[in-house]
Amino acid sequence: MRPNARRTTLADIARAAGVSVATVSKVVNGRGDVAPHTRTRVQELLHQHQYLAPVFRHAEAEPVDIPTIEVQFQGGLRSYVAETLEGIIDSAAELGATVVVSKATHAPHWARDMVAAGRRAVIAVTSVYTAAHLNELARSGLPLVVLDPLHLPDSRVHSVGATNFAGGLTATRHLLSLGHRRIAYLGGPSMAVCNQARMHGYRAAMEAEGAKVPESYVRPGEFTYATGLHGAAGLLDLPEPPTAVFAGNDDIAVGVIEAARARGMRVPEDLSVVGFDDTSLAEMASPPLTTVRQPLREMGGAALRTALRLANGETIESHHIELATALVVRTSTAPPREEP
């Protein structure tokens, strides 16, 4: 290799083989759950590109530290969490780090136990950390990176999120551009930072257009299918129901679609629905869901890289990183039906 030549990465091998980075990582680490023909192809490319895994590079010159990052999440393994985890794991495979995934329990001395187990940093996905939790992490010397924080982060916490306000603005403008004026917002927890930003984006778009927002049109809940199902039922029972609903995430949006179907309404002919996240659920919905795309895998990768830098003692200038959102238009939105 030339002195300044760029080293071949797992991502390079994955692109050449037409497989995921995770699959290449399994071959490198001798895992058995890879098809024989795929394993052979990847091994040939590894040999061809003279790939050397990070743990072996310069092994004779100095020992290599392989950092272990703990990834914690709360609640069920929803599409949002799964896709974020995929981004974390793929980035860890490429960068030569180890990831341990667990549910947040915060048992006594949990931070000290993680240090004893060799963890170097913590990434929290949809988890809530109190001041006491942060103090214990600080005493243990464990850096924390929060993905899409539910509450305003403490100055000791680094976080990664998306442009939630811009996403809420874009989603509502899309519905307004179709001719809707009776647009409701059905969101997650009222105190969640991401929910507040999406709701404020919705309100800003409505105000700019001169569209009224009745108090009954804005309803908090949880980021769940049940919130969409029951929240939409309340909206559709109003004397003047909305012709469109902007949902705080895709799970809520799918619940809204089902609530409409149960009343004999058609989406989008009788009710337009927009979600948020663009998880795999959005494509599988019936009809496929118009939604605001959060770059979930990229957010996971950014959180992993931030955690590794903190584990290495680096100073990071910004405590919060925001990645751009984008509207993905599918078939759950259309102009409102003309009143008879």
C-alpha atoms as a PDB file:
ATOM      1  CA  MET A   1       0.000   0.000   0.000  1.00  0.00           C
ATOM      2  CA  ARG A   2       1.307   3.477  -0.836  1.00  0.00           C
ATOM      3  CA  PRO A   3       2.248   5.557   2.277  1.00  0.00           C
ATOM      4  CA  ASN A   4      -0.785   7.884   2.034  1.00  0.00           C
ATOM      5  CA  ALA A   5      -3.253   5.477   0.387  1.00  0.00           C
ATOM      6  CA  ARG A   6      -6.660   5.216   2.009  1.00  0.00           C
ATOM      7  CA  ARG A   7      -7.205   1.948   3.857  1.00  0.00           C
ATOM      8  CA  THR A   8      -9.919  -0.325   2.546  1.00  0.00           C
ATOM      9  CA  THR A   9     -12.930  -0.309   4.893  1.00  0.00           C
ATOM     10  CA  LEU A  10     -15.713  -2.796   5.532  1.00  0.00           C
ATOM     11  CA  ALA A  11     -18.026  -0.446   3.630  1.00  0.00           C
ATOM     12  CA  ASP A  12     -15.749  -0.681   0.557  1.00  0.00           C
ATOM     13  CA  ILE A  13     -15.879  -4.487   0.665  1.00  0.00           C
ATOM     14  CA  ALA A  14     -19.657  -4.466   1.236  1.00  0.00           C
ATOM     15  CA  ARG A  15     -20.253  -2.256  -1.813  1.00  0.00           C
ATOM     16  CA  ALA A  16     -18.040  -4.442  -4.002  1.00  0.00           C
ATOM     17  CA  ALA A  17     -19.809  -7.627  -2.832  1.00  0.00           C
ATOM     18  CA  GLY A  18     -23.316  -6.150  -2.959  1.00  0.00           C
ATOM     19  CA  VAL A  19     -24.042  -7.027   0.687  1.00  0.00           C
ATOM     20  CA  SER A  20     -24.456  -5.117   3.954  1.00  0.00           C
ATOM     21  CA  VAL A  21     -21.588  -3.979   6.169  1.00  0.00           C
ATOM     22  CA  ALA A  22     -22.975  -6.254   8.887  1.00  0.00           C
ATOM     23  CA  THR A  23     -22.586  -9.299   6.586  1.00  0.00           C
ATOM     24  CA  VAL A  24     -18.954  -8.445   5.829  1.00  0.00           C
ATOM     25  CA  SER A  25     -18.342  -7.988   9.566  1.00  0.00           C
ATOM     26  CA  LYS A  26     -19.744 -11.485  10.210  1.00  0.00           C
ATOM     27  CA  VAL A  27     -17.295 -12.969   7.688  1.00  0.00           C
ATOM     28  CA  VAL A  28     -14.352 -11.063   9.188  1.00  0.00           C
ATOM     29  CA  ASN A  29     -15.289 -12.279  12.679  1.00  0.00           C
ATOM     30  CA  GLY A  30     -15.878 -15.879  11.611  1.00  0.00           C
ATOM     31  CA  ARG A  31     -19.616 -15.918  12.280  1.00  0.00           C
ATOM     32  CA  GLY A  32     -21.486 -18.919  10.867  1.00  0.00           C
ATOM     33  CA  ASP A  33     -24.758 -17.269   9.799  1.00  0.00           C
ATOM     34  CA  VAL A  34     -23.602 -16.298   6.278  1.00  0.00           C
ATOM     35  CA  ALA A  35     -24.480 -18.216   3.096  1.00  0.00           C
ATOM     36  CA  PRO A  36     -21.465 -20.192   1.741  1.00  0.00           C
ATOM     37  CA  HIS A  37     -21.399 -18.465  -1.654  1.00  0.00           C
ATOM     38  CA  THR A  38     -21.632 -15.045   0.004  1.00  0.00           C
ATOM     39  CA  ARG A  39     -18.835 -15.932   2.438  1.00  0.00           C
ATOM     40  CA  THR A  40     -16.597 -17.069  -0.431  1.00  0.00           C
ATOM     41  CA  ARG A  41     -17.255 -13.886  -2.414  1.00  0.00           C
ATOM     42  CA  VAL A  42     -16.513 -11.642   0.589  1.00  0.00           C
ATOM     43  CA  GLN A  43     -13.358 -13.579   1.490  1.00  0.00           C
ATOM     44  CA  GLU A  44     -12.088 -13.243  -2.078  1.00  0.00           C
ATOM     45  CA  LEU A  45     -12.620  -9.476  -1.962  1.00  0.00           C
ATOM     46  CA  LEU A  46     -10.966  -9.203   1.478  1.00  0.00           C
ATOM     47  CA  HIS A  47      -7.922 -11.001   0.083  1.00  0.00           C
ATOM     48  CA  GLN A  48      -7.957  -9.017  -3.151  1.00  0.00           C
ATOM     49  CA  HIS A  49      -8.035  -5.685  -1.302  1.00  0.00           C
ATOM     50  CA  GLN A  50      -5.583  -6.894   1.373  1.00  0.00           C
ATOM     51  CA  TYR A  51      -8.065  -5.898   4.044  1.00  0.00           C
ATOM     52  CA  LEU A  52      -6.804  -6.070   7.613  1.00  0.00           C
ATOM     53  CA  ALA A  53      -9.318  -5.747  10.431  1.00  0.00           C
ATOM     54  CA  PRO A  54      -8.736  -2.842  12.860  1.00  0.00           C
ATOM     55  CA  VAL A  55      -7.898  -5.203  15.710  1.00  0.00           C
ATOM     56  CA  PHE A  56      -4.890  -6.536  13.745  1.00  0.00           C
ATOM     57  CA  ARG A  57      -3.565  -3.310  12.251  1.00  0.00           C
ATOM     58  CA  HIS A  58      -0.198  -2.393  13.732  1.00  0.00           C
ATOM     59  CA  ALA A  59      -0.611  -5.256  16.193  1.00  0.00           C
ATOM     60  CA  GLU A  60       3.155  -5.693  16.495  1.00  0.00           C
ATOM     61  CA  ALA A  61       3.723  -2.006  17.172  1.00  0.00           C
ATOM     62  CA  GLU A  62       1.115  -1.387  19.857  1.00  0.00           C
ATOM     63  CA  PRO A  63      -1.940  -3.037  21.451  1.00  0.00           C
ATOM     64  CA  VAL A  64      -5.299  -2.032  19.993  1.00  0.00           C
ATOM     65  CA  ASP A  65      -8.170  -1.018  22.243  1.00  0.00           C
ATOM     66  CA  ILE A  66     -11.577  -2.195  21.007  1.00  0.00           C
ATOM     67  CA  PRO A  67     -14.140   0.038  22.743  1.00  0.00           C
ATOM     68  CA  THR A  68     -17.457  -1.421  23.883  1.00  0.00           C
ATOM     69  CA  ILE A  69     -20.489   0.859  23.751  1.00  0.00           C
ATOM     70  CA  GLU A  70     -23.701   0.121  25.664  1.00  0.00           C
ATOM     71  CA  VAL A  71     -26.905   0.955  23.740  1.00  0.00           C
ATOM     72  CA  GLN A  72     -29.997   1.204  25.923  1.00  0.00           C
ATOM     73  CA  PHE A  73     -33.635   1.614  24.916  1.00  0.00           C
ATOM     74  CA  GLN A  74     -36.992   1.623  26.684  1.00  0.00           C
ATOM     75  CA  GLY A  75     -40.296   0.073  25.666  1.00  0.00           C
ATOM     76  CA  GLY A  76     -40.828  -2.289  22.759  1.00  0.00           C
ATOM     77  CA  LEU A  77     -38.514  -2.788  19.794  1.00  0.00           C
ATOM     78  CA  ARG A  78     -40.531  -0.557  17.470  1.00  0.00           C
ATOM     79  CA  SER A  79     -39.507   0.181  13.878  1.00  0.00           C
ATOM     80  CA  TYR A  80     -37.955   3.484  14.974  1.00  0.00           C
ATOM     81  CA  VAL A  81     -35.697   1.762  17.503  1.00  0.00           C
ATOM     82  CA  ALA A  82     -34.832  -1.132  15.173  1.00  0.00           C
ATOM     83  CA  GLU A  83     -33.750   1.129  12.309  1.00  0.00           C
ATOM     84  CA  THR A  84     -31.734   3.367  14.612  1.00  0.00           C
ATOM     85  CA  LEU A  85     -30.004   0.304  16.096  1.00  0.00           C
ATOM     86  CA  GLU A  86     -29.148  -0.874  12.584  1.00  0.00           C
ATOM     87  CA  GLY A  87     -27.319   2.398  11.953  1.00  0.00           C
ATOM     88  CA  ILE A  88     -25.406   2.077  15.229  1.00  0.00           C
ATOM     89  CA  ILE A  89     -24.429  -1.540  14.599  1.00  0.00           C
ATOM     90  CA  ASP A  90     -23.342  -0.971  10.985  1.00  0.00           C
ATOM     91  CA  SER A  91     -21.150   1.975  12.012  1.00  0.00           C
ATOM     92  CA  ALA A  92     -19.662  -0.020  14.884  1.00  0.00           C
ATOM     93  CA  ALA A  93     -18.788  -2.856  12.492  1.00  0.00           C
ATOM     94  CA  GLU A  94     -17.071  -0.437  10.132  1.00  0.00           C
ATOM     95  CA  LEU A  95     -15.149   1.354  12.891  1.00  0.00           C
ATOM     96  CA  GLY A  96     -14.098  -1.773  14.776  1.00  0.00           C
ATOM     97  CA  ALA A  97     -16.164  -1.145  17.915  1.00  0.00           C
ATOM     98  CA  THR A  98     -18.323  -3.547  19.920  1.00  0.00           C
ATOM     99  CA  VAL A  99     -21.958  -2.783  20.734  1.00  0.00           C
ATOM    100  CA  VAL A 100     -24.016  -4.301  23.551  1.00  0.00           C
ATOM    101  CA  VAL A 101     -27.783  -3.687  23.373  1.00  0.00           C
ATOM    102  CA  SER A 102     -29.936  -3.731  26.511  1.00  0.00           C
ATOM    103  CA  LYS A 103     -33.178  -2.401  27.944  1.00  0.00           C
ATOM    104  CA  ALA A 104     -32.709   0.498  30.349  1.00  0.00           C
ATOM    105  CA  THR A 105     -33.445  -0.638  33.915  1.00  0.00           C
ATOM    106  CA  HIS A 106     -31.260   1.710  36.011  1.00  0.00           C
ATOM    107  CA  ALA A 107     -30.862  -0.817  38.819  1.00  0.00           C
ATOM    108  CA  PRO A 108     -28.711   0.230  41.824  1.00  0.00           C
ATOM    109  CA  HIS A 109     -25.090   0.920  40.806  1.00  0.00           C
ATOM    110  CA  TRP A 110     -25.978   0.304  37.145  1.00  0.00           C
ATOM    111  CA  ALA A 111     -23.393   2.759  35.831  1.00  0.00           C
ATOM    112  CA  ARG A 112     -20.634   1.332  38.027  1.00  0.00           C
ATOM    113  CA  ASP A 113     -21.562  -2.165  36.874  1.00  0.00           C
ATOM    114  CA  MET A 114     -21.271  -1.092  33.227  1.00  0.00           C
ATOM    115  CA  VAL A 115     -17.786   0.288  33.846  1.00  0.00           C
ATOM    116  CA  ALA A 116     -16.819  -2.986  35.540  1.00  0.00           C
ATOM    117  CA  ALA A 117     -18.108  -4.840  32.455  1.00  0.00           C
ATOM    118  CA  GLY A 118     -15.820  -2.772  30.224  1.00  0.00           C
ATOM    119  CA  ARG A 119     -18.281  -0.285  28.751  1.00  0.00           C
ATOM    120  CA  ARG A 120     -16.715   2.952  27.525  1.00  0.00           C
ATOM    121  CA  ALA A 121     -19.845   5.021  26.747  1.00  0.00           C
ATOM    122  CA  VAL A 122     -23.663   4.804  26.674  1.00  0.00           C
ATOM    123  CA  ILE A 123     -26.054   5.571  23.818  1.00  0.00           C
ATOM    124  CA  ALA A 124     -29.671   6.040  24.912  1.00  0.00           C
ATOM    125  CA  VAL A 125     -32.505   5.470  22.425  1.00  0.00           C
ATOM    126  CA  THR A 126     -35.969   6.631  23.595  1.00  0.00           C
ATOM    127  CA  SER A 127     -34.742   6.455  27.199  1.00  0.00           C
ATOM    128  CA  VAL A 128     -35.342   8.987  29.983  1.00  0.00           C
ATOM    129  CA  TYR A 129     -32.456   9.965  32.265  1.00  0.00           C
ATOM    130  CA  THR A 130     -33.022  11.902  35.501  1.00  0.00           C
ATOM    131  CA  ALA A 131     -30.491  14.151  37.244  1.00  0.00           C
ATOM    132  CA  ALA A 132     -29.676  11.224  39.555  1.00  0.00           C
ATOM    133  CA  HIS A 133     -28.914   8.994  36.561  1.00  0.00           C
ATOM    134  CA  LEU A 134     -26.685  11.672  35.038  1.00  0.00           C
ATOM    135  CA  ASN A 135     -24.851  12.146  38.330  1.00  0.00           C
ATOM    136  CA  GLU A 136     -24.143   8.425  38.559  1.00  0.00           C
ATOM    137  CA  LEU A 137     -22.861   8.363  34.992  1.00  0.00           C
ATOM    138  CA  ALA A 138     -20.634  11.357  35.732  1.00  0.00           C
ATOM    139  CA  ARG A 139     -19.221   9.719  38.864  1.00  0.00           C
ATOM    140  CA  SER A 140     -18.490   6.591  36.839  1.00  0.00           C
ATOM    141  CA  GLY A 141     -16.852   8.571  34.035  1.00  0.00           C
ATOM    142  CA  LEU A 142     -19.220   7.165  31.397  1.00  0.00           C
ATOM    143  CA  PRO A 143     -20.117   9.577  28.559  1.00  0.00           C
ATOM    144  CA  LEU A 144     -23.767   9.584  27.444  1.00  0.00           C
ATOM    145  CA  VAL A 145     -25.157  10.247  23.962  1.00  0.00           C
ATOM    146  CA  VAL A 146     -28.971  10.548  23.655  1.00  0.00           C
ATOM    147  CA  LEU A 147     -30.782   9.887  20.385  1.00  0.00           C
ATOM    148  CA  ASP A 148     -33.817  12.117  19.694  1.00  0.00           C
ATOM    149  CA  PRO A 149     -33.992  13.314  23.324  1.00  0.00           C
ATOM    150  CA  LEU A 150     -37.430  13.387  24.938  1.00  0.00           C
ATOM    151  CA  HIS A 151     -36.388  16.195  27.285  1.00  0.00           C
ATOM    152  CA  LEU A 152     -34.065  19.167  26.948  1.00  0.00           C
ATOM    153  CA  PRO A 153     -30.599  17.671  27.362  1.00  0.00           C
ATOM    154  CA  ASP A 154     -28.450  18.496  30.380  1.00  0.00           C
ATOM    155  CA  SER A 155     -25.241  20.361  29.514  1.00  0.00           C
ATOM    156  CA  ARG A 156     -23.361  17.162  30.377  1.00  0.00           C
ATOM    157  CA  VAL A 157     -25.228  15.204  27.711  1.00  0.00           C
ATOM    158  CA  HIS A 158     -24.453  14.994  24.005  1.00  0.00           C
ATOM    159  CA  SER A 159     -27.404  14.307  21.730  1.00  0.00           C
ATOM    160  CA  VAL A 160     -28.306  13.541  18.118  1.00  0.00           C
ATOM    161  CA  GLY A 161     -31.652  14.423  16.565  1.00  0.00           C
ATOM    162  CA  ALA A 162     -33.347  15.669  13.427  1.00  0.00           C
ATOM    163  CA  THR A 163     -34.852  18.957  12.268  1.00  0.00           C
ATOM    164  CA  ASN A 164     -38.213  18.288  13.913  1.00  0.00           C
ATOM    165  CA  PHE A 165     -39.578  21.839  13.602  1.00  0.00           C
ATOM    166  CA  ALA A 166     -38.746  21.963   9.890  1.00  0.00           C
ATOM    167  CA  GLY A 167     -40.312  18.523   9.459  1.00  0.00           C
ATOM    168  CA  GLY A 168     -43.562  19.620  11.125  1.00  0.00           C
ATOM    169  CA  LEU A 169     -43.604  22.765   9.002  1.00  0.00           C
ATOM    170  CA  THR A 170     -43.048  20.800   5.779  1.00  0.00           C
ATOM    171  CA  ALA A 171     -45.696  18.172   6.576  1.00  0.00           C
ATOM    172  CA  THR A 172     -48.344  20.811   7.314  1.00  0.00           C
ATOM    173  CA  ARG A 173     -47.453  22.920   4.286  1.00  0.00           C
ATOM    174  CA  HIS A 174     -47.914  19.827   2.125  1.00  0.00           C
ATOM    175  CA  LEU A 175     -51.466  19.381   3.425  1.00  0.00           C
ATOM    176  CA  LEU A 176     -52.182  23.088   3.041  1.00  0.00           C
ATOM    177  CA  SER A 177     -50.904  23.023  -0.544  1.00  0.00           C
ATOM    178  CA  LEU A 178     -53.455  20.291  -1.322  1.00  0.00           C
ATOM    179  CA  GLY A 179     -56.239  22.602  -0.163  1.00  0.00           C
ATOM    180  CA  HIS A 180     -56.792  21.346   3.408  1.00  0.00           C
ATOM    181  CA  ARG A 181     -57.609  23.899   6.099  1.00  0.00           C
ATOM    182  CA  ARG A 182     -59.060  21.676   8.824  1.00  0.00           C
ATOM    183  CA  ILE A 183     -55.818  19.959   9.808  1.00  0.00           C
ATOM    184  CA  ALA A 184     -55.306  18.318  13.218  1.00  0.00           C
ATOM    185  CA  TYR A 185     -52.081  17.364  15.005  1.00  0.00           C
ATOM    186  CA  LEU A 186     -52.033  14.076  16.894  1.00  0.00           C
ATOM    187  CA  GLY A 187     -48.714  13.734  18.687  1.00  0.00           C
ATOM    188  CA  GLY A 188     -46.616  12.083  21.357  1.00  0.00           C
ATOM    189  CA  PRO A 189     -45.959  13.130  24.977  1.00  0.00           C
ATOM    190  CA  SER A 190     -46.679  16.836  25.438  1.00  0.00           C
ATOM    191  CA  MET A 191     -43.347  17.483  27.202  1.00  0.00           C
ATOM    192  CA  ALA A 192     -41.194  15.565  24.706  1.00  0.00           C
ATOM    193  CA  VAL A 193     -38.842  18.003  22.956  1.00  0.00           C
ATOM    194  CA  CYS A 194     -39.216  16.319  19.556  1.00  0.00           C
ATOM    195  CA  ASN A 195     -43.018  16.373  19.854  1.00  0.00           C
ATOM    196  CA  GLN A 196     -43.063  20.047  20.838  1.00  0.00           C
ATOM    197  CA  ALA A 197     -40.871  20.947  17.855  1.00  0.00           C
ATOM    198  CA  ARG A 198     -43.119  19.038  15.399  1.00  0.00           C
ATOM    199  CA  MET A 199     -46.225  20.627  16.896  1.00  0.00           C
ATOM    200  CA  HIS A 200     -44.714  24.136  16.724  1.00  0.00           C
ATOM    201  CA  GLY A 201     -43.807  23.532  13.082  1.00  0.00           C
ATOM    202  CA  TYR A 202     -47.439  22.554  12.460  1.00  0.00           C
ATOM    203  CA  ARG A 203     -48.739  25.661  14.243  1.00  0.00           C
ATOM    204  CA  ALA A 204     -46.312  27.943  12.396  1.00  0.00           C
ATOM    205  CA  ALA A 205     -47.479  26.640   9.012  1.00  0.00           C
ATOM    206  CA  MET A 206     -51.141  26.977   9.959  1.00  0.00           C
ATOM    207  CA  GLU A 207     -50.658  30.526  11.288  1.00  0.00           C
ATOM    208  CA  ALA A 208     -48.748  31.612   8.197  1.00  0.00           C
ATOM    209  CA  GLU A 209     -51.641  30.392   6.041  1.00  0.00           C
ATOM    210  CA  GLY A 210     -54.299  31.961   8.260  1.00  0.00           C
ATOM    211  CA  ALA A 211     -55.823  28.548   9.007  1.00  0.00           C
ATOM    212  CA  LYS A 212     -57.553  28.193  12.372  1.00  0.00           C
ATOM    213  CA  VAL A 213     -56.324  25.672  14.951  1.00  0.00           C
ATOM    214  CA  PRO A 214     -59.170  24.783  17.359  1.00  0.00           C
ATOM    215  CA  GLU A 215     -57.960  23.569  20.744  1.00  0.00           C
ATOM    216  CA  SER A 216     -59.593  20.190  20.073  1.00  0.00           C
ATOM    217  CA  TYR A 217     -57.416  19.727  16.962  1.00  0.00           C
ATOM    218  CA  VAL A 218     -54.146  19.391  18.933  1.00  0.00           C
ATOM    219  CA  ARG A 219     -53.942  16.213  21.018  1.00  0.00           C
ATOM    220  CA  PRO A 220     -50.899  14.746  22.814  1.00  0.00           C
ATOM    221  CA  GLY A 221     -50.491  11.053  23.563  1.00  0.00           C
ATOM    222  CA  GLU A 222     -47.747   8.466  23.176  1.00  0.00           C
ATOM    223  CA  PHE A 223     -45.796   7.542  20.069  1.00  0.00           C
ATOM    224  CA  THR A 224     -47.935   4.425  19.634  1.00  0.00           C
ATOM    225  CA  TYR A 225     -50.527   2.858  17.354  1.00  0.00           C
ATOM    226  CA  ALA A 226     -53.053   3.032  20.220  1.00  0.00           C
ATOM    227  CA  THR A 227     -52.697   6.820  20.401  1.00  0.00           C
ATOM    228  CA  GLY A 228     -53.510   7.032  16.694  1.00  0.00           C
ATOM    229  CA  LEU A 229     -56.461   4.693  16.994  1.00  0.00           C
ATOM    230  CA  HIS A 230     -58.107   6.362  20.006  1.00  0.00           C
ATOM    231  CA  GLY A 231     -56.976   9.920  19.301  1.00  0.00           C
ATOM    232  CA  ALA A 232     -58.322   9.834  15.750  1.00  0.00           C
ATOM    233  CA  ALA A 233     -61.625   8.437  17.010  1.00  0.00           C
ATOM    234  CA  GLY A 234     -62.010  11.558  19.155  1.00  0.00           C
ATOM    235  CA  LEU A 235     -61.073  13.848  16.272  1.00  0.00           C
ATOM    236  CA  LEU A 236     -63.459  12.198  13.823  1.00  0.00           C
ATOM    237  CA  ASP A 237     -66.335  12.437  16.325  1.00  0.00           C
ATOM    238  CA  LEU A 238     -66.043  16.229  16.521  1.00  0.00           C
ATOM    239  CA  PRO A 239     -68.957  18.279  15.101  1.00  0.00           C
ATOM    240  CA  GLU A 240     -66.498  19.655  12.538  1.00  0.00           C
ATOM    241  CA  PRO A 241     -63.882  16.912  12.113  1.00  0.00           C
ATOM    242  CA  PRO A 242     -60.561  17.531  10.374  1.00  0.00           C
ATOM    243  CA  THR A 243     -60.080  16.630   6.721  1.00  0.00           C
ATOM    244  CA  ALA A 244     -56.400  15.831   7.389  1.00  0.00           C
ATOM    245  CA  VAL A 245     -54.284  14.627  10.314  1.00  0.00           C
ATOM    246  CA  PHE A 246     -50.571  15.222  10.814  1.00  0.00           C
ATOM    247  CA  ALA A 247     -49.402  12.419  13.128  1.00  0.00           C
ATOM    248  CA  GLY A 248     -46.335  12.721  15.364  1.00  0.00           C
ATOM    249  CA  ASN A 249     -44.882   9.458  14.055  1.00  0.00           C
ATOM    250  CA  ASP A 250     -45.658   6.589  11.686  1.00  0.00           C
ATOM    251  CA  ASP A 251     -47.120   4.349  14.421  1.00  0.00           C
ATOM    252  CA  ILE A 252     -49.692   7.016  15.298  1.00  0.00           C
ATOM    253  CA  ALA A 253     -50.436   7.589  11.593  1.00  0.00           C
ATOM    254  CA  VAL A 254     -51.225   3.906  11.007  1.00  0.00           C
ATOM    255  CA  GLY A 255     -53.588   4.004  13.992  1.00  0.00           C
ATOM    256  CA  VAL A 256     -55.320   7.028  12.430  1.00  0.00           C
ATOM    257  CA  ILE A 257     -55.773   5.146   9.148  1.00  0.00           C
ATOM    258  CA  GLU A 258     -57.362   2.213  10.984  1.00  0.00           C
ATOM    259  CA  ALA A 259     -59.681   4.518  12.968  1.00  0.00           C
ATOM    260  CA  ALA A 260     -60.862   6.043   9.691  1.00  0.00           C
ATOM    261  CA  ARG A 261     -61.364   2.618   8.103  1.00  0.00           C
ATOM    262  CA  ALA A 262     -63.438   1.470  11.101  1.00  0.00           C
ATOM    263  CA  ARG A 263     -65.814   4.377  10.415  1.00  0.00           C
ATOM    264  CA  GLY A 264     -66.160   3.489   6.748  1.00  0.00           C
ATOM    265  CA  MET A 265     -63.920   6.377   5.677  1.00  0.00           C
ATOM    266  CA  ARG A 266     -61.356   6.110   2.901  1.00  0.00           C
ATOM    267  CA  VAL A 267     -57.777   7.394   3.047  1.00  0.00           C
ATOM    268  CA  PRO A 268     -57.007   9.709   1.311  1.00  0.00           C
ATOM    269  CA  GLU A 269     -60.418  10.343  -0.327  1.00  0.00           C
ATOM    270  CA  ASP A 270     -62.156  11.180   2.981  1.00  0.00           C
ATOM    271  CA  LEU A 271     -59.151  11.837   5.227  1.00  0.00           C
ATOM    272  CA  SER A 272     -55.508  12.633   4.415  1.00  0.00           C
ATOM    273  CA  VAL A 273     -52.825  11.377   6.822  1.00  0.00           C
ATOM    274  CA  VAL A 274     -49.155  12.340   7.177  1.00  0.00           C
ATOM    275  CA  GLY A 275     -46.721  10.549   9.503  1.00  0.00           C
ATOM    276  CA  PHE A 276     -43.200  11.199  10.778  1.00  0.00           C
ATOM    277  CA  ASP A 277     -40.029   9.003  10.724  1.00  0.00           C
ATOM    278  CA  ASP A 278     -40.382   7.077   7.427  1.00  0.00           C
ATOM    279  CA  THR A 279     -39.831   3.691   9.037  1.00  0.00           C
ATOM    280  CA  SER A 280     -40.515   0.466   7.122  1.00  0.00           C
ATOM    281  CA  LEU A 281     -44.054   0.714   8.525  1.00  0.00           C
ATOM    282  CA  ALA A 282     -44.731   3.710   6.250  1.00  0.00           C
ATOM    283  CA  GLU A 283     -44.167   1.683   3.075  1.00  0.00           C
ATOM    284  CA  MET A 284     -46.187  -1.284   4.358  1.00  0.00           C
ATOM    285  CA  ALA A 285     -49.188   0.814   5.400  1.00  0.00           C
ATOM    286  CA  SER A 286     -52.375   0.669   3.349  1.00  0.00           C
ATOM    287  CA  PRO A 287     -52.312   3.061   1.619  1.00  0.00           C
ATOM    288  CA  PRO A 288     -48.532   3.717   1.699  1.00  0.00           C
ATOM    289  CA  LEU A 289     -47.940   6.616   4.031  1.00  0.00           C
ATOM    290  CA  THR A 290     -46.876  10.141   3.156  1.00  0.00           C
ATOM    291  CA  THR A 291     -44.405  10.953   5.930  1.00  0.00           C
ATOM    292  CA  VAL A 292     -41.461  13.062   7.039  1.00  0.00           C
ATOM    293  CA  ARG A 293     -38.235  11.098   6.767  1.00  0.00           C
ATOM    294  CA  GLN A 294     -35.914  11.125   9.731  1.00  0.00           C
ATOM    295  CA  PRO A 295     -32.511   9.727   8.677  1.00  0.00           C
ATOM    296  CA  LEU A 296     -32.666   7.105  11.434  1.00  0.00           C
ATOM    297  CA  ARG A 297     -29.697   4.983  10.348  1.00  0.00           C
ATOM    298  CA  GLU A 298     -27.566   8.070   9.820  1.00  0.00           C
ATOM    299  CA  MET A 299     -28.602   9.343  13.268  1.00  0.00           C
ATOM    300  CA  GLY A 300     -27.529   6.027  14.772  1.00  0.00           C
ATOM    301  CA  GLY A 301     -24.177   6.252  13.022  1.00  0.00           C
ATOM    302  CA  ALA A 302     -23.646   9.823  14.227  1.00  0.00           C
ATOM    303  CA  ALA A 303     -24.441   8.773  17.809  1.00  0.00           C
ATOM    304  CA  LEU A 304     -21.957   5.893  17.600  1.00  0.00           C
ATOM    305  CA  ARG A 305     -19.175   8.119  16.244  1.00  0.00           C
ATOM    306  CA  THR A 306     -19.870  10.728  18.944  1.00  0.00           C
ATOM    307  CA  ALA A 307     -19.780   8.060  21.668  1.00  0.00           C
ATOM    308  CA  LEU A 308     -16.435   6.737  20.387  1.00  0.00           C
ATOM    309  CA  ARG A 309     -14.907  10.224  20.344  1.00  0.00           C
ATOM    310  CA  LEU A 310     -16.078  10.846  23.905  1.00  0.00           C
ATOM    311  CA  ALA A 311     -14.762   7.432  24.984  1.00  0.00           C
ATOM    312  CA  ASN A 312     -11.373   8.459  23.567  1.00  0.00           C
ATOM    313  CA  GLY A 313     -11.409  11.631  25.662  1.00  0.00           C
ATOM    314  CA  GLU A 314     -11.938  13.998  22.734  1.00  0.00           C
ATOM    315  CA  THR A 315     -13.608  17.375  23.171  1.00  0.00           C
ATOM    316  CA  ILE A 316     -16.685  17.825  20.967  1.00  0.00           C
ATOM    317  CA  GLU A 317     -17.606  21.400  20.164  1.00  0.00           C
ATOM    318  CA  SER A 318     -21.375  20.952  19.784  1.00  0.00           C
ATOM    319  CA  HIS A 319     -23.510  19.171  22.370  1.00  0.00           C
ATOM    320  CA  HIS A 320     -26.308  18.570  19.872  1.00  0.00           C
ATOM    321  CA  ILE A 321     -26.261  17.386  16.246  1.00  0.00           C
ATOM    322  CA  GLU A 322     -29.320  17.764  14.012  1.00  0.00           C
ATOM    323  CA  LEU A 323     -29.698  15.932  10.704  1.00  0.00           C
ATOM    324  CA  ALA A 324     -32.074  17.140   8.001  1.00  0.00           C
ATOM    325  CA  THR A 325     -35.594  15.771   7.536  1.00  0.00           C
ATOM    326  CA  ALA A 326     -37.384  15.480   4.179  1.00  0.00           C
ATOM    327  CA  LEU A 327     -40.976  14.937   3.065  1.00  0.00           C
ATOM    328  CA  VAL A 328     -41.707  11.615   1.329  1.00  0.00           C
ATOM    329  CA  VAL A 329     -44.995  11.828  -0.594  1.00  0.00           C
ATOM    330  CA  ARG A 330     -46.908   8.568  -1.093  1.00  0.00           C
ATOM    331  CA  THR A 331     -50.641   7.928  -1.472  1.00  0.00           C
ATOM    332  CA  SER A 332     -52.148   8.701   1.946  1.00  0.00           C
ATOM    333  CA  THR A 333     -52.653  12.381   1.045  1.00  0.00           C
ATOM    334  CA  ALA A 334     -54.876  14.042  -1.562  1.00  0.00           C
ATOM    335  CA  PRO A 335     -56.979  17.221  -1.944  1.00  0.00           C
ATOM    336  CA  PRO A 336     -59.995  17.360   0.404  1.00  0.00           C
ATOM    337  CA  ARG A 337     -63.309  16.042  -0.845  1.00  0.00           C
ATOM    338  CA  GLU A 338     -65.624  18.816  -1.992  1.00  0.00           C
ATOM    339  CA  GLU A 339     -68.508  19.448   0.369  1.00  0.00           C
ATOM    340  CA  PRO A 340     -71.949  18.738  -1.161  1.00  0.00           C
END
